[in-house]
């Protein structure tokens, strides 16, 4: 991961080709519920397929399908630290 921020790693920190295991979805409200409904639940493996030229949105693969998220949404998906890998 090219940059680090304090706290646990998030999906927004992964680069194309890297993957991680979801630990939690942070925050409250409709977006958190929506991310959980989309399949971002603890234990699920997520791989970053590609990013748009300016880094937003991300194309991701999880549970056999592709989904796109904005950076602000991907920052809510907390990864298990030992699982963030390429």
PDB file of N, CA and C in Angstrom:
ATOM      1  N   UNK A   1       0.844  -1.169   0.000  1.00  0.00           N
ATOM      2  CA  UNK A   1       0.000   0.000   0.000  1.00  0.00           C
ATOM      3  C   UNK A   1       0.890   1.234   0.000  1.00  0.00           C
ATOM      4  N   UNK A   2       0.691   2.152  -0.922  1.00  0.00           N
ATOM      5  CA  UNK A   2       1.616   3.258  -1.082  1.00  0.00           C
ATOM      6  C   UNK A   2       1.551   4.294   0.020  1.00  0.00           C
ATOM      7  N   UNK A   3       0.445   4.426   0.694  1.00  0.00           N
ATOM      8  CA  UNK A   3       0.345   5.397   1.777  1.00  0.00           C
ATOM      9  C   UNK A   3      -0.374   4.747   2.944  1.00  0.00           C
ATOM     10  N   UNK A   4      -0.074   5.210   4.113  1.00  0.00           N
ATOM     11  CA  UNK A   4      -0.701   4.657   5.308  1.00  0.00           C
ATOM     12  C   UNK A   4      -1.348   5.784   6.087  1.00  0.00           C
ATOM     13  N   UNK A   5      -2.452   5.496   6.704  1.00  0.00           N
ATOM     14  CA  UNK A   5      -3.065   6.441   7.617  1.00  0.00           C
ATOM     15  C   UNK A   5      -3.238   5.742   8.944  1.00  0.00           C
ATOM     16  N   UNK A   6      -3.438   6.520   9.990  1.00  0.00           N
ATOM     17  CA  UNK A   6      -3.614   5.924  11.306  1.00  0.00           C
ATOM     18  C   UNK A   6      -4.900   5.116  11.335  1.00  0.00           C
ATOM     19  N   UNK A   7      -4.885   4.088  12.159  1.00  0.00           N
ATOM     20  CA  UNK A   7      -6.059   3.243  12.265  1.00  0.00           C
ATOM     21  C   UNK A   7      -5.936   2.015  11.384  1.00  0.00           C
ATOM     22  N   UNK A   8      -6.944   1.174  11.415  1.00  0.00           N
ATOM     23  CA  UNK A   8      -6.914  -0.056  10.622  1.00  0.00           C
ATOM     24  C   UNK A   8      -6.990   0.246   9.126  1.00  0.00           C
ATOM     25  N   UNK A   9      -6.472  -0.665   8.298  1.00  0.00           N
ATOM     26  CA  UNK A   9      -6.524  -0.438   6.846  1.00  0.00           C
ATOM     27  C   UNK A   9      -7.960  -0.477   6.327  1.00  0.00           C
ATOM     28  N   UNK A  10      -8.186   0.291   5.273  1.00  0.00           N
ATOM     29  CA  UNK A  10      -9.507   0.306   4.638  1.00  0.00           C
ATOM     30  C   UNK A  10      -9.382  -0.118   3.186  1.00  0.00           C
ATOM     31  N   UNK A  11     -10.489  -0.428   2.593  1.00  0.00           N
ATOM     32  CA  UNK A  11     -10.536  -0.820   1.190  1.00  0.00           C
ATOM     33  C   UNK A  11      -9.985   0.280   0.288  1.00  0.00           C
ATOM     34  N   UNK A  12     -10.147   1.528   0.677  1.00  0.00           N
ATOM     35  CA  UNK A  12      -9.668   2.657  -0.125  1.00  0.00           C
ATOM     36  C   UNK A  12      -8.149   2.682  -0.249  1.00  0.00           C
ATOM     37  N   UNK A  13      -7.426   1.999   0.617  1.00  0.00           N
ATOM     38  CA  UNK A  13      -5.969   1.996   0.589  1.00  0.00           C
ATOM     39  C   UNK A  13      -5.384   0.952  -0.359  1.00  0.00           C
ATOM     40  N   UNK A  14      -6.177   0.012  -0.818  1.00  0.00           N
ATOM     41  CA  UNK A  14      -5.665  -1.038  -1.695  1.00  0.00           C
ATOM     42  C   UNK A  14      -5.486  -0.529  -3.117  1.00  0.00           C
ATOM     43  N   UNK A  15      -4.500  -1.089  -3.783  1.00  0.00           N
ATOM     44  CA  UNK A  15      -4.207  -0.778  -5.176  1.00  0.00           C
ATOM     45  C   UNK A  15      -4.764  -1.888  -6.071  1.00  0.00           C
ATOM     46  N   UNK A  16      -4.917  -1.626  -7.371  1.00  0.00           N
ATOM     47  CA  UNK A  16      -5.380  -2.680  -8.279  1.00  0.00           C
ATOM     48  C   UNK A  16      -4.530  -3.947  -8.149  1.00  0.00           C
ATOM     49  N   UNK A  17      -5.204  -5.083  -8.074  1.00  0.00           N
ATOM     50  CA  UNK A  17      -4.536  -6.369  -7.911  1.00  0.00           C
ATOM     51  C   UNK A  17      -4.421  -6.818  -6.467  1.00  0.00           C
ATOM     52  N   UNK A  18      -4.575  -5.896  -5.528  1.00  0.00           N
ATOM     53  CA  UNK A  18      -4.496  -6.253  -4.117  1.00  0.00           C
ATOM     54  C   UNK A  18      -5.870  -6.678  -3.607  1.00  0.00           C
ATOM     55  N   UNK A  19      -5.854  -7.449  -2.533  1.00  0.00           N
ATOM     56  CA  UNK A  19      -7.114  -7.898  -1.951  1.00  0.00           C
ATOM     57  C   UNK A  19      -7.024  -7.876  -0.440  1.00  0.00           C
ATOM     58  N   UNK A  20      -8.156  -7.948   0.193  1.00  0.00           N
ATOM     59  CA  UNK A  20      -8.223  -7.979   1.646  1.00  0.00           C
ATOM     60  C   UNK A  20      -9.507  -8.646   2.084  1.00  0.00           C
ATOM     61  N   UNK A  21      -9.566  -8.937   3.364  1.00  0.00           N
ATOM     62  CA  UNK A  21     -10.746  -9.566   3.948  1.00  0.00           C
ATOM     63  C   UNK A  21     -11.463  -8.514   4.788  1.00  0.00           C
ATOM     64  N   UNK A  22     -12.759  -8.378   4.577  1.00  0.00           N
ATOM     65  CA  UNK A  22     -13.553  -7.388   5.302  1.00  0.00           C
ATOM     66  C   UNK A  22     -13.599  -7.747   6.786  1.00  0.00           C
ATOM     67  N   UNK A  23     -13.298  -6.756   7.623  1.00  0.00           N
ATOM     68  CA  UNK A  23     -13.433  -6.924   9.070  1.00  0.00           C
ATOM     69  C   UNK A  23     -14.727  -6.292   9.563  1.00  0.00           C
ATOM     70  N   UNK A  24     -15.062  -5.123   8.996  1.00  0.00           N
ATOM     71  CA  UNK A  24     -16.261  -4.399   9.440  1.00  0.00           C
ATOM     72  C   UNK A  24     -16.572  -3.293   8.451  1.00  0.00           C
ATOM     73  N   UNK A  25     -17.771  -2.748   8.558  1.00  0.00           N
ATOM     74  CA  UNK A  25     -18.150  -1.533   7.834  1.00  0.00           C
ATOM     75  C   UNK A  25     -18.399  -0.484   8.904  1.00  0.00           C
ATOM     76  N   UNK A  26     -17.650   0.615   8.837  1.00  0.00           N
ATOM     77  CA  UNK A  26     -17.747   1.638   9.877  1.00  0.00           C
ATOM     78  C   UNK A  26     -18.846   2.644   9.570  1.00  0.00           C
ATOM     79  N   UNK A  27     -19.250   3.347  10.604  1.00  0.00           N
ATOM     80  CA  UNK A  27     -20.244   4.394  10.440  1.00  0.00           C
ATOM     81  C   UNK A  27     -21.654   3.885  10.643  1.00  0.00           C
ATOM     82  N   UNK A  28     -22.577   4.815  10.470  1.00  0.00           N
ATOM     83  CA  UNK A  28     -24.000   4.514  10.613  1.00  0.00           C
ATOM     84  C   UNK A  28     -24.745   5.146   9.459  1.00  0.00           C
ATOM     85  N   UNK A  29     -25.978   4.777   9.323  1.00  0.00           N
ATOM     86  CA  UNK A  29     -26.808   5.405   8.316  1.00  0.00           C
ATOM     87  C   UNK A  29     -27.016   4.553   7.087  1.00  0.00           C
ATOM     88  N   UNK A  30     -27.646   5.174   6.098  1.00  0.00           N
ATOM     89  CA  UNK A  30     -28.065   4.472   4.887  1.00  0.00           C
ATOM     90  C   UNK A  30     -26.893   3.886   4.105  1.00  0.00           C
ATOM     91  N   UNK A  31     -25.758   4.601   4.028  1.00  0.00           N
ATOM     92  CA  UNK A  31     -24.629   4.079   3.255  1.00  0.00           C
ATOM     93  C   UNK A  31     -24.056   2.825   3.903  1.00  0.00           C
ATOM     94  N   UNK A  32     -23.961   2.793   5.198  1.00  0.00           N
ATOM     95  CA  UNK A  32     -23.462   1.600   5.880  1.00  0.00           C
ATOM     96  C   UNK A  32     -24.379   0.411   5.617  1.00  0.00           C
ATOM     97  N   UNK A  33     -25.666   0.628   5.723  1.00  0.00           N
ATOM     98  CA  UNK A  33     -26.641  -0.433   5.442  1.00  0.00           C
ATOM     99  C   UNK A  33     -26.497  -0.898   3.998  1.00  0.00           C
ATOM    100  N   UNK A  34     -26.352   0.031   3.079  1.00  0.00           N
ATOM    101  CA  UNK A  34     -26.224  -0.305   1.656  1.00  0.00           C
ATOM    102  C   UNK A  34     -24.975  -1.145   1.397  1.00  0.00           C
ATOM    103  N   UNK A  35     -23.846  -0.783   2.001  1.00  0.00           N
ATOM    104  CA  UNK A  35     -22.619  -1.561   1.826  1.00  0.00           C
ATOM    105  C   UNK A  35     -22.796  -2.985   2.344  1.00  0.00           C
ATOM    106  N   UNK A  36     -23.442  -3.137   3.473  1.00  0.00           N
ATOM    107  CA  UNK A  36     -23.708  -4.475   4.012  1.00  0.00           C
ATOM    108  C   UNK A  36     -24.620  -5.263   3.076  1.00  0.00           C
ATOM    109  N   UNK A  37     -25.642  -4.613   2.542  1.00  0.00           N
ATOM    110  CA  UNK A  37     -26.551  -5.277   1.601  1.00  0.00           C
ATOM    111  C   UNK A  37     -25.838  -5.683   0.315  1.00  0.00           C
ATOM    112  N   UNK A  38     -24.819  -4.928  -0.076  1.00  0.00           N
ATOM    113  CA  UNK A  38     -24.057  -5.237  -1.286  1.00  0.00           C
ATOM    114  C   UNK A  38     -23.098  -6.403  -1.075  1.00  0.00           C
ATOM    115  N   UNK A  39     -22.935  -6.861   0.176  1.00  0.00           N
ATOM    116  CA  UNK A  39     -22.089  -8.016   0.442  1.00  0.00           C
ATOM    117  C   UNK A  39     -20.802  -7.722   1.174  1.00  0.00           C
ATOM    118  N   UNK A  40     -20.575  -6.481   1.585  1.00  0.00           N
ATOM    119  CA  UNK A  40     -19.368  -6.127   2.326  1.00  0.00           C
ATOM    120  C   UNK A  40     -19.575  -6.471   3.803  1.00  0.00           C
ATOM    121  N   UNK A  41     -19.558  -7.769   4.078  1.00  0.00           N
ATOM    122  CA  UNK A  41     -19.790  -8.273   5.429  1.00  0.00           C
ATOM    123  C   UNK A  41     -18.503  -8.930   5.936  1.00  0.00           C
ATOM    124  N   UNK A  42     -18.322  -9.012   7.253  1.00  0.00           N
ATOM    125  CA  UNK A  42     -17.100  -9.599   7.799  1.00  0.00           C
ATOM    126  C   UNK A  42     -16.792 -10.973   7.215  1.00  0.00           C
ATOM    127  N   UNK A  43     -15.504 -11.146   6.867  1.00  0.00           N
ATOM    128  CA  UNK A  43     -15.022 -12.417   6.342  1.00  0.00           C
ATOM    129  C   UNK A  43     -14.964 -12.514   4.832  1.00  0.00           C
ATOM    130  N   UNK A  44     -15.588 -11.589   4.120  1.00  0.00           N
ATOM    131  CA  UNK A  44     -15.631 -11.644   2.655  1.00  0.00           C
ATOM    132  C   UNK A  44     -14.324 -11.109   2.064  1.00  0.00           C
ATOM    133  N   UNK A  45     -13.781 -11.835   1.088  1.00  0.00           N
ATOM    134  CA  UNK A  45     -12.589 -11.392   0.355  1.00  0.00           C
ATOM    135  C   UNK A  45     -12.999 -10.396  -0.720  1.00  0.00           C
ATOM    136  N   UNK A  46     -12.247  -9.301  -0.825  1.00  0.00           N
ATOM    137  CA  UNK A  46     -12.507  -8.268  -1.826  1.00  0.00           C
ATOM    138  C   UNK A  46     -11.205  -7.983  -2.565  1.00  0.00           C
ATOM    139  N   UNK A  47     -11.262  -7.936  -3.887  1.00  0.00           N
ATOM    140  CA  UNK A  47     -10.091  -7.611  -4.710  1.00  0.00           C
ATOM    141  C   UNK A  47     -10.374  -6.339  -5.495  1.00  0.00           C
ATOM    142  N   UNK A  48      -9.358  -5.458  -5.540  1.00  0.00           N
ATOM    143  CA  UNK A  48      -9.465  -4.251  -6.359  1.00  0.00           C
ATOM    144  C   UNK A  48      -9.076  -4.632  -7.785  1.00  0.00           C
ATOM    145  N   UNK A  49      -9.993  -4.454  -8.722  1.00  0.00           N
ATOM    146  CA  UNK A  49      -9.738  -4.777 -10.127  1.00  0.00           C
ATOM    147  C   UNK A  49      -9.066  -3.597 -10.819  1.00  0.00           C
ATOM    148  N   UNK A  50      -9.657  -2.417 -10.695  1.00  0.00           N
ATOM    149  CA  UNK A  50      -9.045  -1.211 -11.270  1.00  0.00           C
ATOM    150  C   UNK A  50      -9.649   0.019 -10.635  1.00  0.00           C
ATOM    151  N   UNK A  51      -8.982   1.142 -10.887  1.00  0.00           N
ATOM    152  CA  UNK A  51      -9.453   2.450 -10.435  1.00  0.00           C
ATOM    153  C   UNK A  51      -9.595   3.345 -11.649  1.00  0.00           C
ATOM    154  N   UNK A  52     -10.489   4.295 -11.552  1.00  0.00           N
ATOM    155  CA  UNK A  52     -10.613   5.300 -12.609  1.00  0.00           C
ATOM    156  C   UNK A  52      -9.323   6.125 -12.636  1.00  0.00           C
ATOM    157  N   UNK A  53      -9.030   6.804 -13.749  1.00  0.00           N
ATOM    158  CA  UNK A  53      -7.782   7.559 -13.875  1.00  0.00           C
ATOM    159  C   UNK A  53      -7.486   8.517 -12.719  1.00  0.00           C
ATOM    160  N   UNK A  54      -8.480   9.144 -12.153  1.00  0.00           N
ATOM    161  CA  UNK A  54      -8.240  10.059 -11.035  1.00  0.00           C
ATOM    162  C   UNK A  54      -8.396   9.370  -9.679  1.00  0.00           C
ATOM    163  N   UNK A  55      -8.496   8.033  -9.689  1.00  0.00           N
ATOM    164  CA  UNK A  55      -8.549   7.261  -8.454  1.00  0.00           C
ATOM    165  C   UNK A  55      -9.932   7.032  -7.885  1.00  0.00           C
ATOM    166  N   UNK A  56     -10.959   7.491  -8.565  1.00  0.00           N
ATOM    167  CA  UNK A  56     -12.314   7.377  -8.026  1.00  0.00           C
ATOM    168  C   UNK A  56     -13.282   7.259  -9.187  1.00  0.00           C
ATOM    169  N   UNK A  57     -14.082   6.227  -9.329  1.00  0.00           N
ATOM    170  CA  UNK A  57     -14.366   5.148  -8.388  1.00  0.00           C
ATOM    171  C   UNK A  57     -13.424   3.956  -8.554  1.00  0.00           C
ATOM    172  N   UNK A  58     -13.647   2.940  -7.709  1.00  0.00           N
ATOM    173  CA  UNK A  58     -12.920   1.677  -7.735  1.00  0.00           C
ATOM    174  C   UNK A  58     -13.826   0.621  -8.351  1.00  0.00           C
ATOM    175  N   UNK A  59     -13.233  -0.288  -9.126  1.00  0.00           N
ATOM    176  CA  UNK A  59     -13.967  -1.493  -9.528  1.00  0.00           C
ATOM    177  C   UNK A  59     -13.454  -2.622  -8.653  1.00  0.00           C
ATOM    178  N   UNK A  60     -14.371  -3.321  -8.006  1.00  0.00           N
ATOM    179  CA  UNK A  60     -14.030  -4.367  -7.051  1.00  0.00           C
ATOM    180  C   UNK A  60     -14.692  -5.676  -7.439  1.00  0.00           C
ATOM    181  N   UNK A  61     -14.098  -6.772  -6.959  1.00  0.00           N
ATOM    182  CA  UNK A  61     -14.701  -8.090  -7.152  1.00  0.00           C
ATOM    183  C   UNK A  61     -14.871  -8.727  -5.780  1.00  0.00           C
ATOM    184  N   UNK A  62     -16.090  -9.167  -5.497  1.00  0.00           N
ATOM    185  CA  UNK A  62     -16.365  -9.906  -4.276  1.00  0.00           C
ATOM    186  C   UNK A  62     -17.517 -10.855  -4.538  1.00  0.00           C
ATOM    187  N   UNK A  63     -17.434 -12.015  -3.928  1.00  0.00           N
ATOM    188  CA  UNK A  63     -18.492 -13.028  -4.057  1.00  0.00           C
ATOM    189  C   UNK A  63     -18.858 -13.345  -5.505  1.00  0.00           C
ATOM    190  N   UNK A  64     -17.883 -13.252  -6.406  1.00  0.00           N
ATOM    191  CA  UNK A  64     -18.119 -13.621  -7.794  1.00  0.00           C
ATOM    192  C   UNK A  64     -18.736 -12.554  -8.671  1.00  0.00           C
ATOM    193  N   UNK A  65     -18.880 -11.344  -8.178  1.00  0.00           N
ATOM    194  CA  UNK A  65     -19.424 -10.275  -9.017  1.00  0.00           C
ATOM    195  C   UNK A  65     -18.601  -9.003  -8.859  1.00  0.00           C
ATOM    196  N   UNK A  66     -18.809  -8.073  -9.783  1.00  0.00           N
ATOM    197  CA  UNK A  66     -18.083  -6.804  -9.784  1.00  0.00           C
ATOM    198  C   UNK A  66     -19.006  -5.690  -9.309  1.00  0.00           C
ATOM    199  N   UNK A  67     -18.419  -4.754  -8.577  1.00  0.00           N
ATOM    200  CA  UNK A  67     -19.158  -3.603  -8.068  1.00  0.00           C
ATOM    201  C   UNK A  67     -18.217  -2.399  -8.083  1.00  0.00           C
ATOM    202  N   UNK A  68     -18.752  -1.218  -8.227  1.00  0.00           N
ATOM    203  CA  UNK A  68     -17.957   0.008  -8.168  1.00  0.00           C
ATOM    204  C   UNK A  68     -18.350   0.808  -6.939  1.00  0.00           C
ATOM    205  N   UNK A  69     -17.329   1.368  -6.276  1.00  0.00           N
ATOM    206  CA  UNK A  69     -17.548   2.218  -5.108  1.00  0.00           C
ATOM    207  C   UNK A  69     -16.752   3.504  -5.253  1.00  0.00           C
ATOM    208  N   UNK A  70     -17.258   4.570  -4.690  1.00  0.00           N
ATOM    209  CA  UNK A  70     -16.496   5.813  -4.573  1.00  0.00           C
ATOM    210  C   UNK A  70     -15.481   5.642  -3.446  1.00  0.00           C
ATOM    211  N   UNK A  71     -14.452   6.479  -3.463  1.00  0.00           N
ATOM    212  CA  UNK A  71     -13.435   6.432  -2.409  1.00  0.00           C
ATOM    213  C   UNK A  71     -14.082   6.604  -1.026  1.00  0.00           C
ATOM    214  N   UNK A  72     -15.001   7.548  -0.902  1.00  0.00           N
ATOM    215  CA  UNK A  72     -15.643   7.803   0.399  1.00  0.00           C
ATOM    216  C   UNK A  72     -16.379   6.565   0.909  1.00  0.00           C
ATOM    217  N   UNK A  73     -16.928   5.777   0.013  1.00  0.00           N
ATOM    218  CA  UNK A  73     -17.607   4.537   0.400  1.00  0.00           C
ATOM    219  C   UNK A  73     -16.588   3.466   0.781  1.00  0.00           C
ATOM    220  N   UNK A  74     -15.514   3.360  -0.015  1.00  0.00           N
ATOM    221  CA  UNK A  74     -14.472   2.364   0.243  1.00  0.00           C
ATOM    222  C   UNK A  74     -13.759   2.624   1.569  1.00  0.00           C
ATOM    223  N   UNK A  75     -13.695   3.879   1.993  1.00  0.00           N
ATOM    224  CA  UNK A  75     -13.062   4.205   3.276  1.00  0.00           C
ATOM    225  C   UNK A  75     -13.847   3.661   4.461  1.00  0.00           C
ATOM    226  N   UNK A  76     -15.102   3.343   4.282  1.00  0.00           N
ATOM    227  CA  UNK A  76     -15.926   2.777   5.359  1.00  0.00           C
ATOM    228  C   UNK A  76     -15.689   1.283   5.547  1.00  0.00           C
ATOM    229  N   UNK A  77     -15.115   0.620   4.544  1.00  0.00           N
ATOM    230  CA  UNK A  77     -14.905  -0.832   4.612  1.00  0.00           C
ATOM    231  C   UNK A  77     -13.543  -1.093   5.258  1.00  0.00           C
ATOM    232  N   UNK A  78     -13.568  -1.544   6.500  1.00  0.00           N
ATOM    233  CA  UNK A  78     -12.363  -1.805   7.283  1.00  0.00           C
ATOM    234  C   UNK A  78     -11.900  -3.230   7.002  1.00  0.00           C
ATOM    235  N   UNK A  79     -10.593  -3.388   6.769  1.00  0.00           N
ATOM    236  CA  UNK A  79     -10.022  -4.693   6.449  1.00  0.00           C
ATOM    237  C   UNK A  79      -9.305  -5.289   7.651  1.00  0.00           C
ATOM    238  N   UNK A  80      -9.242  -6.603   7.684  1.00  0.00           N
ATOM    239  CA  UNK A  80      -8.432  -7.303   8.678  1.00  0.00           C
ATOM    240  C   UNK A  80      -6.978  -7.022   8.333  1.00  0.00           C
ATOM    241  N   UNK A  81      -6.193  -6.540   9.284  1.00  0.00           N
ATOM    242  CA  UNK A  81      -4.835  -6.072   9.001  1.00  0.00           C
ATOM    243  C   UNK A  81      -3.940  -7.136   8.392  1.00  0.00           C
ATOM    244  N   UNK A  82      -3.980  -8.350   8.900  1.00  0.00           N
ATOM    245  CA  UNK A  82      -3.106  -9.404   8.389  1.00  0.00           C
ATOM    246  C   UNK A  82      -3.517  -9.871   7.006  1.00  0.00           C
ATOM    247  N   UNK A  83      -4.715  -9.536   6.564  1.00  0.00           N
ATOM    248  CA  UNK A  83      -5.236 -10.028   5.297  1.00  0.00           C
ATOM    249  C   UNK A  83      -4.985  -9.097   4.122  1.00  0.00           C
ATOM    250  N   UNK A  84      -4.638  -7.829   4.362  1.00  0.00           N
ATOM    251  CA  UNK A  84      -4.431  -6.890   3.258  1.00  0.00           C
ATOM    252  C   UNK A  84      -3.183  -7.327   2.499  1.00  0.00           C
ATOM    253  N   UNK A  85      -3.348  -7.773   1.259  1.00  0.00           N
ATOM    254  CA  UNK A  85      -2.219  -8.317   0.498  1.00  0.00           C
ATOM    255  C   UNK A  85      -2.494  -8.254  -0.994  1.00  0.00           C
ATOM    256  N   UNK A  86      -1.452  -8.534  -1.763  1.00  0.00           N
ATOM    257  CA  UNK A  86      -1.577  -8.527  -3.221  1.00  0.00           C
ATOM    258  C   UNK A  86      -1.738  -9.899  -3.780  1.00  0.00           C
TER     259      UNK A  86
END
